[in-house]
Protein backbone atom coordinates (compact mmCIF):
# COMPACT_ATOMS: atom_id res chain seq x y z
CA MET A 1 -6.65 -29.17 -11.47
CA GLU A 2 -9.56 -29.99 -9.20
CA LEU A 3 -11.56 -27.09 -10.56
CA LYS A 4 -10.98 -28.30 -14.18
CA TRP A 5 -12.29 -31.79 -13.38
CA THR A 6 -15.24 -30.29 -11.45
CA ILE A 7 -16.19 -28.35 -14.54
CA VAL A 8 -15.81 -31.38 -16.76
CA ILE A 9 -18.05 -33.44 -14.45
CA ILE A 10 -20.71 -30.70 -14.36
CA ILE A 11 -20.69 -30.49 -18.17
CA ILE A 12 -21.04 -34.28 -18.47
CA ILE A 13 -23.94 -34.30 -15.95
CA LEU A 14 -25.70 -31.51 -17.86
CA ALA A 15 -25.15 -33.22 -21.16
CA LEU A 16 -26.63 -36.50 -19.75
CA LEU A 17 -29.63 -34.59 -18.41
CA LEU A 18 -30.20 -32.85 -21.72
CA TYR A 19 -29.93 -36.15 -23.55
CA ARG A 20 -32.39 -37.76 -21.18
CA TRP A 21 -34.78 -34.82 -21.58
CA ILE A 22 -34.64 -35.13 -25.38
CA ILE A 23 -35.22 -38.85 -25.33
CA GLN A 24 -38.17 -38.53 -22.89
CA ARG A 25 -39.70 -35.73 -24.93
CA LYS A 26 -39.46 -37.79 -28.13
CA GLN A 27 -41.08 -40.77 -26.38
CA VAL A 28 -43.99 -38.59 -25.19
CA ILE A 29 -44.38 -37.00 -28.63
CA ASN A 30 -44.57 -40.47 -30.25
CA ASN A 31 -47.02 -41.61 -27.56
CA VAL A 32 -49.31 -38.64 -28.33
CA LEU A 33 -49.15 -39.21 -32.08
CA GLN A 34 -49.96 -42.95 -31.69
CA ARG A 35 -52.96 -42.54 -29.37
CA SER A 36 -56.43 -42.30 -30.88
CA ASP A 37 -58.49 -39.10 -30.59
CA GLU A 38 -61.04 -41.01 -28.49
CA GLU A 39 -58.33 -41.88 -25.93
CA LYS A 40 -57.07 -38.30 -25.89
CA ILE A 41 -60.49 -36.77 -25.43
CA LYS A 42 -61.28 -39.10 -22.51
CA ASP A 43 -58.03 -38.33 -20.70
CA ILE A 44 -58.07 -34.59 -21.47
CA ASN A 45 -61.67 -34.29 -20.20
CA ASN A 46 -60.79 -36.22 -17.07
CA ALA A 47 -57.97 -33.69 -16.46
CA LEU A 48 -60.16 -30.66 -17.21
CA GLU A 49 -63.28 -31.76 -15.42
CA LEU A 50 -62.11 -30.44 -12.07
CA TYR A 51 -61.86 -26.92 -13.51
CA GLY A 52 -65.26 -26.98 -15.23
CA PHE A 53 -64.07 -27.46 -18.83
CA VAL A 54 -64.12 -30.05 -21.64
CA TYR A 55 -62.49 -30.37 -25.06
CA ASP A 56 -64.65 -29.44 -28.02
CA LYS A 57 -63.62 -31.66 -30.97
CA THR A 58 -65.69 -29.76 -33.50
CA ASN A 59 -63.69 -26.56 -33.03
CA ASP A 60 -60.53 -27.99 -31.52
CA ILE A 61 -60.94 -25.68 -28.51
CA ILE A 62 -61.72 -25.75 -24.79
CA CYS A 63 -65.24 -24.90 -23.56
CA SER A 64 -67.33 -25.13 -20.37
CA ASN A 65 -69.37 -28.13 -19.42
CA MET A 66 -72.93 -28.00 -18.14
CA TYR A 67 -72.28 -28.52 -14.38
CA PRO A 68 -68.98 -26.90 -13.54
CA TRP A 69 -68.06 -25.32 -10.20
CA GLN A 70 -68.66 -21.92 -11.82
CA ARG A 71 -72.40 -22.68 -11.79
CA GLU A 72 -72.35 -22.77 -8.04
CA VAL A 73 -70.77 -19.38 -7.53
CA GLY A 74 -73.26 -17.35 -9.59
CA TYR A 75 -72.29 -13.88 -10.79
CA CYS A 76 -71.89 -10.38 -9.56
CA ARG A 77 -70.02 -7.35 -10.98
CA PHE A 78 -67.20 -7.90 -8.52
CA TYR A 79 -66.09 -10.91 -10.59
CA ASP A 80 -65.60 -8.67 -13.63
CA GLU A 81 -63.82 -6.03 -11.51
CA ALA A 82 -61.37 -8.71 -10.30
CA ALA A 83 -60.76 -10.21 -13.77
CA PRO A 84 -57.41 -8.46 -14.43
CA THR A 85 -56.00 -9.83 -11.21
CA LEU A 86 -56.70 -13.27 -12.69
CA ASN A 87 -54.88 -12.37 -15.95
CA MET A 88 -58.22 -11.89 -17.79
CA ILE A 89 -58.30 -8.78 -19.86
CA ILE A 90 -61.84 -8.90 -21.24
CA ASP A 91 -64.74 -6.74 -22.46
CA SER A 92 -68.03 -7.33 -20.78
CA GLU A 93 -71.55 -6.45 -21.89
CA PRO A 94 -74.25 -7.04 -19.26
CA ILE A 95 -77.86 -6.89 -20.48
CA TYR A 96 -80.36 -6.50 -17.61
CA PHE A 97 -84.06 -7.03 -17.90
CA GLU A 98 -87.09 -8.26 -15.93
CA TYR A 99 -89.07 -11.34 -16.87
CA ASP A 100 -91.28 -13.80 -14.93
CA ASN A 101 -91.21 -11.49 -11.89
CA ARG A 102 -87.42 -11.84 -11.56
CA ARG A 103 -84.37 -9.86 -12.48
CA TRP A 104 -82.41 -11.36 -15.33
CA LEU A 105 -78.93 -10.88 -16.67
CA ILE A 106 -77.56 -12.13 -19.94
CA GLU A 107 -73.91 -11.08 -20.10
CA LEU A 108 -71.31 -11.37 -22.87
CA TRP A 109 -67.54 -11.44 -22.52
CA LYS A 110 -64.67 -11.56 -25.00
CA GLY A 111 -60.94 -11.15 -24.65
CA GLN A 112 -57.74 -12.70 -23.38
CA TYR A 113 -58.01 -15.30 -20.61
CA GLY A 114 -54.39 -15.94 -19.67
CA MET A 115 -52.97 -17.92 -22.54
CA THR A 116 -56.29 -18.30 -24.36
CA THR A 117 -58.49 -16.02 -26.46
CA GLY A 118 -62.14 -16.64 -25.73
CA ALA A 119 -65.72 -15.57 -25.43
CA GLU A 120 -68.70 -16.26 -23.18
CA ILE A 121 -72.48 -15.84 -22.83
CA GLY A 122 -73.91 -16.36 -19.39
CA ILE A 123 -77.54 -16.42 -18.22
CA TYR A 124 -78.38 -15.49 -14.62
CA VAL A 125 -81.43 -14.61 -12.51
CA SER A 126 -81.95 -12.95 -9.13
CA GLU A 127 -84.80 -13.07 -6.64
CA MET A 128 -82.90 -11.49 -3.77
CA ASP A 129 -82.21 -8.03 -2.48
CA ASP A 130 -78.92 -6.30 -3.50
CA ILE A 131 -75.99 -7.02 -1.24
CA ASN A 132 -73.54 -4.51 0.13
CA ILE A 133 -69.98 -5.56 1.03
CA PRO A 134 -68.22 -2.44 2.22
CA GLY A 135 -65.15 -1.56 0.16
CA ILE A 136 -65.67 -4.56 -2.16
CA PHE A 137 -69.03 -4.63 -3.88
CA SER A 138 -72.58 -3.29 -3.79
CA GLY A 139 -75.34 -4.46 -6.11
CA PRO A 140 -77.35 -7.46 -7.32
CA PHE A 141 -76.08 -11.03 -6.98
CA PHE A 142 -77.31 -13.45 -9.66
CA GLU A 143 -77.56 -17.20 -9.70
CA ALA A 144 -77.17 -19.39 -12.82
CA VAL A 145 -80.49 -20.41 -14.41
CA SER A 146 -81.95 -23.84 -13.95
CA ASP A 147 -81.85 -26.60 -16.53
CA GLU A 148 -85.46 -25.77 -17.45
CA GLU A 149 -84.44 -22.23 -18.38
CA LEU A 150 -81.43 -22.92 -20.66
CA LEU A 151 -81.49 -20.97 -23.90
CA ASN A 152 -80.50 -21.97 -27.39
CA MET A 153 -77.59 -19.70 -28.11
CA ASP A 154 -74.74 -19.37 -30.52
CA PHE A 155 -71.94 -16.98 -31.32
CA LYS A 156 -69.05 -16.60 -33.81
CA LEU A 157 -65.90 -15.20 -32.36
CA LYS A 158 -63.82 -13.21 -34.83
CA ILE A 159 -60.35 -11.74 -34.54
CA ASN A 160 -59.72 -8.90 -37.02
CA GLU A 161 -62.84 -10.08 -38.94
CA GLU A 162 -61.44 -13.63 -39.34
CA GLU A 163 -63.51 -16.32 -37.66
CA LEU A 164 -61.75 -18.17 -34.86
CA PHE A 165 -64.58 -20.58 -33.96
CA GLN A 166 -68.33 -20.90 -33.54
CA ARG A 167 -70.26 -22.33 -30.61
CA GLN A 168 -73.91 -23.31 -30.36
CA ASP A 169 -75.77 -25.15 -27.62
CA TYR A 170 -78.65 -25.06 -25.16
CA HIS A 171 -76.76 -23.71 -22.21
CA TRP A 172 -76.57 -21.34 -19.27
CA TRP A 173 -72.89 -20.51 -19.97
CA LEU A 174 -71.87 -20.87 -23.57
CA THR A 175 -68.12 -20.48 -23.93
CA GLY A 176 -65.11 -21.14 -26.18
CA PHE A 177 -61.37 -20.71 -25.54
CA ASP A 178 -58.72 -21.04 -28.27
CA VAL A 179 -55.47 -22.00 -26.50
CA GLY A 180 -52.23 -20.25 -27.44
CA VAL A 181 -53.99 -17.49 -29.41
CA PHE A 182 -53.26 -13.92 -28.24
CA SER A 183 -55.59 -11.00 -28.83
CA ASN A 184 -56.55 -7.51 -27.65
CA THR A 185 -60.18 -6.93 -26.88
CA HIS A 186 -60.62 -4.28 -29.59
CA ASN A 187 -59.58 -6.85 -32.24
CA LEU A 188 -62.37 -9.25 -31.23
CA SER A 189 -66.04 -9.30 -32.11
CA MET A 190 -68.97 -11.69 -31.48
CA GLU A 191 -71.86 -12.37 -33.76
CA VAL A 192 -74.60 -13.41 -31.34
CA ARG A 193 -77.88 -15.26 -31.79
CA ILE A 194 -80.21 -16.04 -28.94
CA ILE A 195 -83.54 -17.95 -29.34
CA PHE A 196 -86.09 -17.14 -26.64
CA PRO A 197 -88.98 -19.42 -25.64
CA ASN A 198 -91.62 -16.74 -26.13
CA SER A 199 -92.22 -13.20 -27.31
CA ILE A 200 -92.57 -11.84 -23.75
CA MET A 201 -88.99 -12.85 -22.85
CA LYS A 202 -87.69 -11.77 -26.26
CA ASP A 203 -89.21 -8.30 -25.86
CA ALA A 204 -87.92 -8.01 -22.29
CA PHE A 205 -84.35 -8.77 -23.49
CA LEU A 206 -84.81 -6.42 -26.39
CA GLY A 207 -85.61 -3.64 -23.97
CA GLY A 208 -82.43 -4.45 -21.98
CA LEU A 209 -80.39 -4.31 -25.19
CA LYS A 210 -81.74 -0.86 -26.05
CA ARG A 211 -81.18 0.40 -22.50
CA ALA A 212 -77.60 -0.84 -22.79
CA GLY A 213 -77.10 1.36 -25.87
CA TYR A 214 -77.88 -0.78 -28.87
CA LYS A 215 -79.86 0.93 -31.59
CA GLU A 216 -82.59 -0.61 -33.68
CA ASP A 217 -80.39 -0.85 -36.80
CA GLU A 218 -77.85 -2.85 -34.75
CA ILE A 219 -80.36 -5.54 -33.90
CA LYS A 220 -82.08 -8.04 -36.08
CA ILE A 221 -85.28 -9.86 -34.98
CA THR A 222 -86.86 -12.93 -36.57
CA LYS A 223 -89.88 -14.20 -34.54
CA ASN A 224 -88.37 -14.95 -31.04
CA ILE A 225 -84.80 -14.89 -32.27
CA ILE A 226 -82.53 -11.86 -31.66
CA TYR A 227 -79.23 -11.27 -33.56
CA PHE A 228 -76.67 -8.60 -32.73
CA ASN A 229 -72.92 -7.99 -32.79
CA PHE A 230 -70.74 -7.40 -29.72
CA ASP A 231 -67.58 -5.53 -30.75
CA GLU A 232 -67.02 -2.20 -28.93
CA PRO A 233 -68.69 -2.47 -25.48
CA LYS A 234 -71.54 0.00 -24.86
CA SER A 235 -71.46 -0.61 -21.09
CA ASP A 236 -68.97 0.98 -18.67
CA GLN A 237 -66.13 -1.42 -18.11
CA PRO A 238 -65.54 -2.38 -14.49
CA TYR A 239 -61.76 -2.55 -14.22
CA ASN A 240 -60.78 1.05 -14.83
CA ARG A 241 -58.59 1.05 -11.71
CA TYR A 242 -56.31 -1.51 -13.41
CA LYS A 243 -55.72 0.56 -16.57
CA LEU A 244 -52.15 1.31 -15.75
CA ILE A 245 -51.15 -2.32 -15.34
CA ILE A 246 -53.28 -3.82 -18.13
CA PRO A 247 -50.40 -3.44 -20.70
CA PHE A 248 -48.13 -5.43 -18.37
CA ILE A 249 -50.78 -8.12 -17.85
CA GLN A 250 -51.23 -8.47 -21.63
CA PHE A 251 -47.44 -8.61 -22.11
CA MET A 252 -47.37 -11.53 -19.68
CA ASN A 253 -50.37 -13.20 -21.44
CA LYS A 254 -48.63 -12.82 -24.79
CA THR A 255 -45.47 -14.34 -23.25
CA TYR A 256 -47.44 -17.27 -21.89
CA CYS A 257 -48.89 -17.86 -25.38
CA LYS A 258 -45.42 -17.85 -26.93
CA ILE A 259 -44.13 -20.33 -24.35
CA TYR A 260 -47.09 -22.62 -24.93
CA ASN A 261 -46.65 -22.49 -28.71
CA LEU A 262 -42.92 -23.11 -28.38
CA ILE A 263 -43.37 -26.05 -26.12
CA THR A 264 -46.06 -27.62 -28.29
CA LYS A 265 -44.45 -26.74 -31.64
CA ASP A 266 -44.32 -30.37 -32.72
CA PHE A 267 -48.10 -30.52 -33.05
CA GLU A 268 -50.71 -28.68 -35.12
CA ARG A 269 -53.98 -29.54 -33.34
CA THR A 270 -55.02 -28.31 -29.91
CA ILE A 271 -56.07 -31.86 -28.93
CA ASP A 272 -52.52 -33.06 -29.46
CA LYS A 273 -50.95 -30.05 -27.73
CA ILE A 274 -53.15 -30.43 -24.70
CA ASP A 275 -52.54 -34.18 -24.54
CA PHE A 276 -48.78 -33.50 -24.68
CA LEU A 277 -49.08 -31.02 -21.78
CA ARG A 278 -51.18 -33.49 -19.81
CA LEU A 279 -48.40 -36.09 -20.12
CA TYR A 280 -45.30 -33.92 -19.94
CA TYR A 281 -46.15 -30.51 -18.49
CA PRO A 282 -49.17 -31.07 -16.21
CA ASN A 283 -48.56 -27.79 -14.28
CA LEU A 284 -48.88 -25.82 -17.48
CA LEU A 285 -52.13 -27.61 -18.30
CA ARG A 286 -53.46 -26.65 -14.87
CA LEU A 287 -52.49 -23.02 -15.54
CA ILE A 288 -54.43 -23.12 -18.80
CA ALA A 289 -57.43 -24.67 -17.06
CA GLY A 290 -57.49 -21.87 -14.52
CA LYS A 291 -56.45 -23.55 -11.26
CA ASN A 292 -55.55 -20.20 -9.65
CA ARG A 293 -58.71 -18.58 -10.89
CA MET A 294 -60.81 -21.34 -9.37
CA LYS A 295 -59.13 -20.90 -5.98
CA LYS A 296 -59.55 -17.15 -5.95
CA LEU A 297 -63.12 -17.05 -7.17
CA LYS A 298 -64.23 -19.74 -4.75
CA LYS A 299 -62.57 -17.75 -1.95
CA SER A 300 -64.43 -14.60 -3.10
CA TYR A 301 -67.73 -16.43 -3.32
CA LYS A 302 -67.29 -17.67 0.27
CA VAL A 303 -67.12 -14.08 1.44
CA ILE A 304 -70.06 -13.03 -0.77
CA SER A 305 -72.24 -15.99 0.30
CA SER A 306 -72.01 -14.92 3.96
CA TYR A 307 -73.58 -11.61 2.99
CA ILE A 308 -76.21 -13.36 0.87
CA SER A 309 -77.14 -15.50 3.90
CA GLY A 310 -77.39 -12.36 5.99
CA ASN A 311 -79.77 -10.78 3.46
CA GLU A 312 -81.98 -13.89 3.38
CA MET A 313 -82.17 -13.94 7.19
CA ARG A 314 -83.20 -10.26 7.35
CA SER A 315 -85.85 -10.87 4.55
CA ASN A 316 -87.36 -13.71 6.62
CA GLU A 317 -87.55 -11.55 9.69
CA HIS A 318 -89.81 -9.13 7.79
CA LEU A 319 -92.21 -11.90 6.72
């Protein structure tokens, strides 16, 4: 008899919790629908700022801001090699060239970033010697360009030839991430346009493109503007050692996208979905924003920066 009443009490408690959850969810949904877009954008950007991102109203996507933490940690190939461990299954296309007595890198990425499909163009320079971290990384370390060296860039990201979004800006790191969209890298392509400040830099980048494997008929040039498509990477991809687990990582990414779309099924626009998560599932929003990636990359940069400092000290000793 006691067991029977115990079961009844448990059922009643669960029913009350479910009822409370349904009521609270409806209240939050109504709150989101009643708020203005201006209010949503302000609150969403406040939530995303820590992670280096903002909401792009034009495309209804997430993108990087001008001064995120990522600008402080620069770039080296190790970051791409570690990408799968951060749930990022992406194609990379580094274009190396020399200009203004410095080594330059303009790199493109496209693929699945956790529960978002996205693309990036980053601009970096290096004036230091290569670094060597035994067992981890050996090669050049690049820093993000200064505000005076930003380039006017744009790209269209397509999935199976259908445009997802387009981004254009003067930037050092032009990005876009469509939340809840799942893709495989071979289904994605980028139509890229970069405007250079002069013909010398344009020609230097063009040389880098050709060294990377792009043929003349794959490149269009108008004055100091270069157009090309990034679909199948011509560069060796850096995460071959993760090939066996990539299908599992993609399975998890696809699952995350399904969960996100299920939780936010009451809304059509990303701005409403993200605002709902901010109010009701803040942990999921932090997952989308890359909280874990931020921690791991900052930790990696701390190790790398100690070797950079060592290189600079040795260089000064030779002066």
